[in-house]
Amino acid sequence: MHASYETVGDPGAGGPFLFTCEHATNELPEWTPEPEDRALLADHWGWDVGAADLTRALAELTGSCAVLSRFSRLVCDPNRDPEEASFVVEAVEGHALSWNRGVGPAERRRKVTSLLDRVGIGAERRLQLRKFSKGMIQRVGIDHRAANRFDHGEGGRARHS
């Protein structure tokens, strides 16, 4: 498992889907949150609760591959263009996040390089995937809305509720 992402399934197995879960966790790989920041990490601000489990289950059930982020969206948001101000969230509801205080252009670039580019998807490829994925593999992104419609049945397998 890589520090910034997790791969589930065999990418070479020829499954019909590529599942992505950009908000899979509330982890801070390089930072220790201040006590007042922990509540934000624990709720929907920090991650899409349940989305990672659903993504893993769907990849397994369909014989497909999945890529899940291993850092909180509050570090940087993989769904945002790195040039957008919202790529790095500096404050939530008026509360400045300790690990993003004073983030300048150099730190933004470092986050792109250390967290996003290591997935193997550089800036040009990210733009291509955003527009639409052509070919046999269909990209399916999982977020909190989908995850909240599922729960775990017998044997820990996801089921629609």
N, C-alpha and C. Protein backbone atom coordinates (compact mmCIF):
# COMPACT_ATOMS: atom_id res chain seq x y z
N MET A 1 0.84 -1.18 0.00
CA MET A 1 0.00 0.00 0.00
C MET A 1 0.89 1.25 0.00
N HIS A 2 0.57 2.18 -0.83
CA HIS A 2 1.31 3.43 -0.94
C HIS A 2 0.82 4.41 0.12
N ALA A 3 1.66 5.35 0.49
CA ALA A 3 1.28 6.31 1.54
C ALA A 3 0.10 7.19 1.15
N SER A 4 -0.07 7.50 -0.14
CA SER A 4 -1.13 8.43 -0.52
C SER A 4 -2.34 7.76 -1.16
N TYR A 5 -2.24 6.49 -1.51
CA TYR A 5 -3.39 5.81 -2.10
C TYR A 5 -3.33 4.31 -1.84
N GLU A 6 -4.47 3.68 -1.95
CA GLU A 6 -4.63 2.24 -1.78
C GLU A 6 -5.24 1.70 -3.07
N THR A 7 -4.72 0.58 -3.55
CA THR A 7 -5.30 -0.07 -4.71
C THR A 7 -5.94 -1.37 -4.26
N VAL A 8 -7.15 -1.62 -4.72
CA VAL A 8 -7.88 -2.84 -4.39
C VAL A 8 -8.13 -3.58 -5.70
N GLY A 9 -7.90 -4.87 -5.72
CA GLY A 9 -8.11 -5.66 -6.92
C GLY A 9 -6.92 -5.58 -7.85
N ASP A 10 -7.01 -6.34 -8.92
CA ASP A 10 -5.92 -6.43 -9.89
C ASP A 10 -6.26 -5.56 -11.10
N PRO A 11 -5.48 -4.48 -11.32
CA PRO A 11 -5.77 -3.61 -12.46
C PRO A 11 -5.68 -4.34 -13.80
N GLY A 12 -4.92 -5.41 -13.86
CA GLY A 12 -4.76 -6.16 -15.10
C GLY A 12 -5.78 -7.26 -15.30
N ALA A 13 -6.71 -7.41 -14.38
CA ALA A 13 -7.67 -8.52 -14.46
C ALA A 13 -8.77 -8.30 -15.49
N GLY A 14 -8.89 -7.10 -15.99
CA GLY A 14 -9.88 -6.83 -17.03
C GLY A 14 -11.29 -6.59 -16.52
N GLY A 15 -11.43 -6.20 -15.26
CA GLY A 15 -12.75 -5.90 -14.73
C GLY A 15 -13.38 -4.74 -15.48
N PRO A 16 -14.69 -4.64 -15.44
CA PRO A 16 -15.38 -3.63 -16.24
C PRO A 16 -15.31 -2.21 -15.69
N PHE A 17 -14.91 -2.05 -14.43
CA PHE A 17 -14.95 -0.73 -13.81
C PHE A 17 -13.62 -0.37 -13.18
N LEU A 18 -13.39 0.91 -13.07
CA LEU A 18 -12.34 1.46 -12.22
C LEU A 18 -13.07 2.33 -11.20
N PHE A 19 -13.14 1.85 -9.96
CA PHE A 19 -13.79 2.60 -8.90
C PHE A 19 -12.78 3.54 -8.25
N THR A 20 -13.20 4.76 -7.97
CA THR A 20 -12.34 5.69 -7.25
C THR A 20 -13.08 6.20 -6.03
N CYS A 21 -12.33 6.42 -4.98
CA CYS A 21 -12.89 6.97 -3.75
C CYS A 21 -11.90 8.01 -3.24
N GLU A 22 -12.12 9.24 -3.66
CA GLU A 22 -11.18 10.31 -3.34
C GLU A 22 -11.27 10.78 -1.90
N HIS A 23 -12.36 10.49 -1.22
CA HIS A 23 -12.55 10.93 0.16
C HIS A 23 -12.70 9.72 1.07
N ALA A 24 -11.82 8.73 0.92
CA ALA A 24 -11.94 7.44 1.60
C ALA A 24 -11.57 7.47 3.08
N THR A 25 -10.79 8.42 3.50
CA THR A 25 -10.27 8.39 4.86
C THR A 25 -10.13 9.80 5.42
N ASN A 26 -9.94 9.86 6.72
CA ASN A 26 -9.70 11.14 7.38
C ASN A 26 -8.27 11.24 7.92
N GLU A 27 -7.38 10.44 7.37
CA GLU A 27 -5.99 10.42 7.82
C GLU A 27 -5.23 11.68 7.41
N LEU A 28 -4.27 12.05 8.24
CA LEU A 28 -3.33 13.13 7.95
C LEU A 28 -1.94 12.49 7.89
N PRO A 29 -1.46 12.16 6.69
CA PRO A 29 -0.22 11.39 6.59
C PRO A 29 1.03 12.07 7.14
N GLU A 30 1.07 13.38 7.17
CA GLU A 30 2.28 14.08 7.59
C GLU A 30 2.09 15.00 8.78
N TRP A 31 0.89 15.11 9.28
CA TRP A 31 0.59 16.12 10.29
C TRP A 31 -0.09 15.51 11.50
N THR A 32 0.04 16.18 12.63
CA THR A 32 -0.70 15.83 13.83
C THR A 32 -1.70 16.95 14.08
N PRO A 33 -2.98 16.62 14.08
CA PRO A 33 -3.97 17.70 14.24
C PRO A 33 -3.96 18.25 15.66
N GLU A 34 -4.25 19.53 15.77
CA GLU A 34 -4.44 20.11 17.09
C GLU A 34 -5.77 19.59 17.62
N PRO A 35 -5.95 19.52 18.94
CA PRO A 35 -7.17 18.94 19.51
C PRO A 35 -8.46 19.54 18.95
N GLU A 36 -8.50 20.83 18.70
CA GLU A 36 -9.73 21.45 18.20
C GLU A 36 -10.02 21.10 16.74
N ASP A 37 -9.04 20.51 16.04
CA ASP A 37 -9.25 20.10 14.64
C ASP A 37 -9.84 18.69 14.52
N ARG A 38 -9.72 17.90 15.55
CA ARG A 38 -10.10 16.48 15.46
C ARG A 38 -11.58 16.25 15.14
N ALA A 39 -12.47 17.08 15.66
CA ALA A 39 -13.90 16.90 15.39
C ALA A 39 -14.20 17.09 13.90
N LEU A 40 -13.52 18.03 13.26
CA LEU A 40 -13.73 18.25 11.83
C LEU A 40 -13.27 17.05 11.00
N LEU A 41 -12.19 16.42 11.43
CA LEU A 41 -11.71 15.22 10.74
C LEU A 41 -12.66 14.05 10.91
N ALA A 42 -13.34 13.99 12.03
CA ALA A 42 -14.21 12.84 12.33
C ALA A 42 -15.55 12.89 11.59
N ASP A 43 -15.97 14.07 11.15
CA ASP A 43 -17.27 14.13 10.48
C ASP A 43 -17.10 14.29 8.97
N HIS A 44 -18.17 14.63 8.29
CA HIS A 44 -18.16 14.69 6.84
C HIS A 44 -17.18 15.71 6.26
N TRP A 45 -16.78 16.68 7.03
CA TRP A 45 -15.76 17.61 6.54
C TRP A 45 -14.47 16.86 6.23
N GLY A 46 -14.16 15.86 7.01
CA GLY A 46 -12.87 15.17 6.87
C GLY A 46 -12.85 14.04 5.87
N TRP A 47 -14.03 13.42 5.61
CA TRP A 47 -14.07 12.26 4.71
C TRP A 47 -15.51 11.88 4.41
N ASP A 48 -15.70 10.97 3.48
CA ASP A 48 -17.03 10.43 3.18
C ASP A 48 -17.17 9.12 3.95
N VAL A 49 -17.80 9.21 5.09
CA VAL A 49 -17.93 8.07 6.00
C VAL A 49 -18.63 6.91 5.28
N GLY A 50 -18.01 5.74 5.27
CA GLY A 50 -18.58 4.55 4.67
C GLY A 50 -18.24 4.35 3.20
N ALA A 51 -17.74 5.37 2.53
CA ALA A 51 -17.47 5.28 1.09
C ALA A 51 -16.35 4.28 0.78
N ALA A 52 -15.34 4.20 1.62
CA ALA A 52 -14.23 3.27 1.36
C ALA A 52 -14.70 1.82 1.41
N ASP A 53 -15.50 1.47 2.41
CA ASP A 53 -16.01 0.10 2.52
C ASP A 53 -16.87 -0.26 1.31
N LEU A 54 -17.71 0.66 0.89
CA LEU A 54 -18.56 0.41 -0.27
C LEU A 54 -17.71 0.24 -1.52
N THR A 55 -16.70 1.08 -1.70
CA THR A 55 -15.83 1.00 -2.87
C THR A 55 -15.11 -0.34 -2.93
N ARG A 56 -14.56 -0.77 -1.80
CA ARG A 56 -13.86 -2.07 -1.76
C ARG A 56 -14.83 -3.21 -2.10
N ALA A 57 -16.04 -3.16 -1.54
CA ALA A 57 -17.02 -4.22 -1.78
C ALA A 57 -17.43 -4.26 -3.25
N LEU A 58 -17.66 -3.10 -3.86
CA LEU A 58 -18.05 -3.07 -5.27
C LEU A 58 -16.93 -3.59 -6.17
N ALA A 59 -15.69 -3.23 -5.86
CA ALA A 59 -14.56 -3.74 -6.65
C ALA A 59 -14.49 -5.26 -6.57
N GLU A 60 -14.67 -5.78 -5.37
CA GLU A 60 -14.63 -7.24 -5.18
C GLU A 60 -15.79 -7.91 -5.91
N LEU A 61 -16.99 -7.39 -5.74
CA LEU A 61 -18.18 -8.00 -6.34
C LEU A 61 -18.15 -8.00 -7.87
N THR A 62 -17.52 -7.00 -8.47
CA THR A 62 -17.51 -6.88 -9.93
C THR A 62 -16.21 -7.35 -10.56
N GLY A 63 -15.26 -7.80 -9.75
CA GLY A 63 -13.96 -8.22 -10.29
C GLY A 63 -13.20 -7.07 -10.91
N SER A 64 -13.39 -5.88 -10.35
CA SER A 64 -12.77 -4.68 -10.88
C SER A 64 -11.67 -4.17 -9.96
N CYS A 65 -11.12 -3.05 -10.30
CA CYS A 65 -10.06 -2.43 -9.52
C CYS A 65 -10.59 -1.14 -8.90
N ALA A 66 -10.01 -0.74 -7.77
CA ALA A 66 -10.38 0.51 -7.12
C ALA A 66 -9.12 1.22 -6.63
N VAL A 67 -9.18 2.53 -6.66
CA VAL A 67 -8.12 3.37 -6.11
C VAL A 67 -8.77 4.27 -5.07
N LEU A 68 -8.25 4.22 -3.83
CA LEU A 68 -8.79 5.00 -2.72
C LEU A 68 -7.70 5.92 -2.18
N SER A 69 -8.06 7.15 -1.89
CA SER A 69 -7.09 8.06 -1.29
C SER A 69 -6.79 7.62 0.13
N ARG A 70 -5.62 7.98 0.62
CA ARG A 70 -5.22 7.66 2.00
C ARG A 70 -4.93 8.94 2.77
N PHE A 71 -5.61 10.03 2.40
CA PHE A 71 -5.45 11.30 3.11
C PHE A 71 -6.79 12.03 3.09
N SER A 72 -7.03 12.78 4.11
CA SER A 72 -8.29 13.52 4.24
C SER A 72 -8.42 14.58 3.16
N ARG A 73 -9.66 14.81 2.75
CA ARG A 73 -9.93 15.89 1.80
C ARG A 73 -9.56 17.24 2.39
N LEU A 74 -9.38 17.32 3.71
CA LEU A 74 -8.97 18.57 4.34
C LEU A 74 -7.48 18.84 4.20
N VAL A 75 -6.70 17.85 3.75
CA VAL A 75 -5.29 18.08 3.42
C VAL A 75 -5.25 18.76 2.06
N CYS A 76 -5.87 18.13 1.09
CA CYS A 76 -6.12 18.68 -0.24
C CYS A 76 -7.19 17.80 -0.86
N ASP A 77 -7.98 18.37 -1.75
CA ASP A 77 -9.12 17.64 -2.30
C ASP A 77 -8.80 17.13 -3.69
N PRO A 78 -8.66 15.80 -3.85
CA PRO A 78 -8.33 15.24 -5.16
C PRO A 78 -9.39 15.50 -6.23
N ASN A 79 -10.59 15.89 -5.83
CA ASN A 79 -11.64 16.21 -6.80
C ASN A 79 -11.54 17.64 -7.32
N ARG A 80 -10.60 18.39 -6.83
CA ARG A 80 -10.46 19.79 -7.23
C ARG A 80 -9.20 19.95 -8.08
N ASP A 81 -9.26 20.89 -8.99
CA ASP A 81 -8.08 21.25 -9.76
C ASP A 81 -7.11 21.91 -8.78
N PRO A 82 -5.82 21.53 -8.81
CA PRO A 82 -4.86 22.14 -7.89
C PRO A 82 -4.74 23.66 -8.00
N GLU A 83 -5.19 24.22 -9.11
CA GLU A 83 -5.16 25.68 -9.26
C GLU A 83 -6.34 26.36 -8.58
N GLU A 84 -7.39 25.60 -8.24
CA GLU A 84 -8.56 26.17 -7.57
C GLU A 84 -8.23 26.47 -6.11
N ALA A 85 -8.77 27.56 -5.60
CA ALA A 85 -8.56 27.91 -4.19
C ALA A 85 -9.05 26.79 -3.27
N SER A 86 -10.13 26.10 -3.65
CA SER A 86 -10.72 25.06 -2.80
C SER A 86 -9.93 23.75 -2.79
N PHE A 87 -8.86 23.66 -3.57
CA PHE A 87 -8.00 22.46 -3.54
C PHE A 87 -7.42 22.26 -2.14
N VAL A 88 -7.01 23.34 -1.50
CA VAL A 88 -6.53 23.30 -0.12
C VAL A 88 -7.49 24.11 0.73
N VAL A 89 -8.15 23.44 1.67
CA VAL A 89 -9.10 24.11 2.56
C VAL A 89 -8.32 24.66 3.76
N GLU A 90 -8.31 25.95 3.89
CA GLU A 90 -7.56 26.57 4.99
C GLU A 90 -8.40 26.71 6.25
N ALA A 91 -9.73 26.80 6.08
CA ALA A 91 -10.60 26.98 7.24
C ALA A 91 -11.95 26.32 6.96
N VAL A 92 -12.58 25.83 8.03
CA VAL A 92 -13.92 25.25 7.97
C VAL A 92 -14.78 25.98 8.98
N GLU A 93 -15.86 26.56 8.48
CA GLU A 93 -16.79 27.30 9.33
C GLU A 93 -16.06 28.30 10.24
N GLY A 94 -15.08 29.00 9.65
CA GLY A 94 -14.34 30.02 10.38
C GLY A 94 -13.19 29.50 11.22
N HIS A 95 -13.02 28.19 11.30
CA HIS A 95 -11.93 27.59 12.09
C HIS A 95 -10.75 27.27 11.18
N ALA A 96 -9.60 27.90 11.42
CA ALA A 96 -8.40 27.65 10.63
C ALA A 96 -7.84 26.27 10.95
N LEU A 97 -7.57 25.49 9.92
CA LEU A 97 -7.02 24.14 10.10
C LEU A 97 -5.51 24.23 10.35
N SER A 98 -5.05 23.61 11.42
CA SER A 98 -3.66 23.76 11.84
C SER A 98 -2.67 23.33 10.76
N TRP A 99 -2.95 22.28 10.01
CA TRP A 99 -2.00 21.77 9.02
C TRP A 99 -2.05 22.54 7.70
N ASN A 100 -3.03 23.43 7.52
CA ASN A 100 -3.12 24.21 6.29
C ASN A 100 -2.96 25.71 6.50
N ARG A 101 -2.55 26.11 7.68
CA ARG A 101 -2.36 27.54 7.94
C ARG A 101 -1.22 28.08 7.07
N GLY A 102 -1.51 29.14 6.38
CA GLY A 102 -0.46 29.81 5.61
C GLY A 102 0.10 28.99 4.45
N VAL A 103 -0.68 28.09 3.88
CA VAL A 103 -0.19 27.28 2.76
C VAL A 103 -0.02 28.19 1.56
N GLY A 104 1.19 28.24 1.05
CA GLY A 104 1.48 29.07 -0.12
C GLY A 104 1.63 28.23 -1.37
N PRO A 105 1.99 28.85 -2.48
CA PRO A 105 2.11 28.14 -3.76
C PRO A 105 3.09 26.96 -3.72
N ALA A 106 4.21 27.10 -3.02
CA ALA A 106 5.19 26.00 -2.96
C ALA A 106 4.61 24.78 -2.25
N GLU A 107 3.89 24.99 -1.15
CA GLU A 107 3.29 23.87 -0.42
C GLU A 107 2.15 23.25 -1.22
N ARG A 108 1.39 24.05 -1.93
CA ARG A 108 0.34 23.50 -2.80
C ARG A 108 0.95 22.58 -3.85
N ARG A 109 2.04 23.04 -4.49
CA ARG A 109 2.72 22.21 -5.50
C ARG A 109 3.25 20.93 -4.87
N ARG A 110 3.79 21.02 -3.66
CA ARG A 110 4.32 19.85 -2.98
C ARG A 110 3.20 18.83 -2.71
N LYS A 111 2.02 19.32 -2.33
CA LYS A 111 0.89 18.41 -2.09
C LYS A 111 0.48 17.71 -3.37
N VAL A 112 0.50 18.42 -4.48
CA VAL A 112 0.18 17.80 -5.76
C VAL A 112 1.20 16.70 -6.06
N THR A 113 2.47 17.03 -5.91
CA THR A 113 3.54 16.08 -6.22
C THR A 113 3.54 14.89 -5.27
N SER A 114 3.42 15.14 -3.97
CA SER A 114 3.55 14.05 -3.01
C SER A 114 2.28 13.23 -2.84
N LEU A 115 1.12 13.81 -3.09
CA LEU A 115 -0.13 13.08 -2.86
C LEU A 115 -0.85 12.68 -4.15
N LEU A 116 -0.92 13.55 -5.13
CA LEU A 116 -1.68 13.23 -6.34
C LEU A 116 -0.83 12.59 -7.43
N ASP A 117 0.31 13.15 -7.74
CA ASP A 117 1.10 12.63 -8.85
C ASP A 117 1.64 11.22 -8.58
N ARG A 118 1.80 10.85 -7.33
CA ARG A 118 2.29 9.51 -7.02
C ARG A 118 1.30 8.42 -7.37
N VAL A 119 0.06 8.79 -7.55
CA VAL A 119 -0.94 7.81 -7.98
C VAL A 119 -0.66 7.41 -9.42
N GLY A 120 0.19 8.18 -10.10
CA GLY A 120 0.51 7.88 -11.49
C GLY A 120 -0.36 8.64 -12.46
N ILE A 121 -1.09 9.59 -11.94
CA ILE A 121 -1.96 10.39 -12.79
C ILE A 121 -1.50 11.84 -12.70
N GLY A 122 -0.69 12.25 -13.67
CA GLY A 122 -0.21 13.62 -13.71
C GLY A 122 -1.32 14.57 -14.09
N ALA A 123 -1.01 15.85 -14.12
CA ALA A 123 -2.02 16.88 -14.35
C ALA A 123 -2.77 16.69 -15.66
N GLU A 124 -2.06 16.39 -16.73
CA GLU A 124 -2.73 16.24 -18.03
C GLU A 124 -3.70 15.05 -18.01
N ARG A 125 -3.27 13.95 -17.43
CA ARG A 125 -4.14 12.76 -17.37
C ARG A 125 -5.34 13.02 -16.46
N ARG A 126 -5.15 13.75 -15.36
CA ARG A 126 -6.28 14.06 -14.48
C ARG A 126 -7.35 14.84 -15.24
N LEU A 127 -6.93 15.77 -16.09
CA LEU A 127 -7.89 16.54 -16.88
C LEU A 127 -8.63 15.63 -17.86
N GLN A 128 -7.92 14.69 -18.46
CA GLN A 128 -8.56 13.76 -19.39
C GLN A 128 -9.60 12.92 -18.67
N LEU A 129 -9.26 12.40 -17.50
CA LEU A 129 -10.19 11.57 -16.74
C LEU A 129 -11.40 12.37 -16.29
N ARG A 130 -11.20 13.63 -15.97
CA ARG A 130 -12.30 14.48 -15.54
C ARG A 130 -13.32 14.66 -16.65
N LYS A 131 -12.86 14.82 -17.88
CA LYS A 131 -13.79 15.04 -18.99
C LYS A 131 -14.62 13.80 -19.25
N PHE A 132 -13.98 12.68 -19.43
CA PHE A 132 -14.69 11.42 -19.61
C PHE A 132 -13.70 10.35 -19.99
N SER A 133 -13.89 9.18 -19.46
CA SER A 133 -13.01 8.06 -19.76
C SER A 133 -13.59 7.28 -20.93
N LYS A 134 -12.83 7.21 -22.01
CA LYS A 134 -13.25 6.45 -23.20
C LYS A 134 -12.72 5.03 -23.08
N GLY A 135 -13.32 4.11 -23.81
CA GLY A 135 -12.82 2.74 -23.85
C GLY A 135 -13.62 1.80 -22.99
N MET A 136 -13.03 0.67 -22.68
CA MET A 136 -13.73 -0.41 -21.99
C MET A 136 -13.97 -0.12 -20.51
N ILE A 137 -13.04 0.54 -19.88
CA ILE A 137 -13.17 0.76 -18.44
C ILE A 137 -14.01 2.00 -18.18
N GLN A 138 -14.98 1.88 -17.32
CA GLN A 138 -15.78 3.02 -16.91
C GLN A 138 -15.37 3.41 -15.49
N ARG A 139 -15.11 4.68 -15.28
CA ARG A 139 -14.72 5.17 -13.96
C ARG A 139 -15.98 5.44 -13.16
N VAL A 140 -16.00 4.94 -11.92
CA VAL A 140 -17.14 5.14 -11.02
C VAL A 140 -16.60 5.73 -9.73
N GLY A 141 -16.98 6.94 -9.41
CA GLY A 141 -16.56 7.58 -8.16
C GLY A 141 -17.59 7.32 -7.07
N ILE A 142 -17.12 7.02 -5.86
CA ILE A 142 -18.00 6.72 -4.74
C ILE A 142 -17.87 7.86 -3.72
N ASP A 143 -19.00 8.39 -3.28
CA ASP A 143 -18.97 9.42 -2.26
C ASP A 143 -19.98 9.10 -1.16
N HIS A 144 -20.17 10.02 -0.24
CA HIS A 144 -21.02 9.76 0.93
C HIS A 144 -22.47 9.48 0.56
N ARG A 145 -22.97 10.06 -0.52
CA ARG A 145 -24.37 9.83 -0.89
C ARG A 145 -24.60 8.37 -1.24
N ALA A 146 -23.69 7.77 -1.99
CA ALA A 146 -23.82 6.35 -2.34
C ALA A 146 -23.56 5.48 -1.12
N ALA A 147 -22.55 5.82 -0.34
CA ALA A 147 -22.19 5.01 0.82
C ALA A 147 -23.30 4.97 1.86
N ASN A 148 -24.02 6.06 2.01
CA ASN A 148 -25.08 6.11 3.02
C ASN A 148 -26.32 5.33 2.63
N ARG A 149 -26.39 4.87 1.39
CA ARG A 149 -27.51 4.06 0.95
C ARG A 149 -27.23 2.57 1.14
N PHE A 150 -26.04 2.24 1.59
CA PHE A 150 -25.66 0.85 1.78
C PHE A 150 -25.31 0.61 3.23
N ASP A 151 -25.52 -0.61 3.69
CA ASP A 151 -25.02 -1.01 4.99
C ASP A 151 -24.41 -2.39 4.83
N HIS A 152 -23.89 -2.94 5.90
CA HIS A 152 -23.24 -4.24 5.82
C HIS A 152 -24.17 -5.32 6.34
N GLY A 153 -24.43 -6.29 5.50
CA GLY A 153 -25.28 -7.42 5.86
C GLY A 153 -24.46 -8.54 6.47
N GLU A 154 -24.99 -9.72 6.40
CA GLU A 154 -24.31 -10.88 6.95
C GLU A 154 -22.97 -11.08 6.23
N GLY A 155 -21.97 -11.48 6.97
CA GLY A 155 -20.67 -11.73 6.40
C GLY A 155 -19.91 -10.48 6.02
N GLY A 156 -20.40 -9.30 6.43
CA GLY A 156 -19.69 -8.05 6.17
C GLY A 156 -19.80 -7.57 4.73
N ARG A 157 -20.64 -8.20 3.92
CA ARG A 157 -20.78 -7.79 2.54
C ARG A 157 -21.75 -6.61 2.44
N ALA A 158 -21.48 -5.70 1.54
CA ALA A 158 -22.34 -4.54 1.37
C ALA A 158 -23.67 -4.97 0.79
N ARG A 159 -24.73 -4.36 1.24
CA ARG A 159 -26.06 -4.60 0.66
C ARG A 159 -26.80 -3.28 0.61
N HIS A 160 -27.67 -3.17 -0.34
CA HIS A 160 -28.46 -1.95 -0.49
C HIS A 160 -29.56 -1.96 0.54
N SER A 161 -29.78 -0.81 1.19
CA SER A 161 -30.85 -0.76 2.20
C SER A 161 -31.93 0.22 1.81
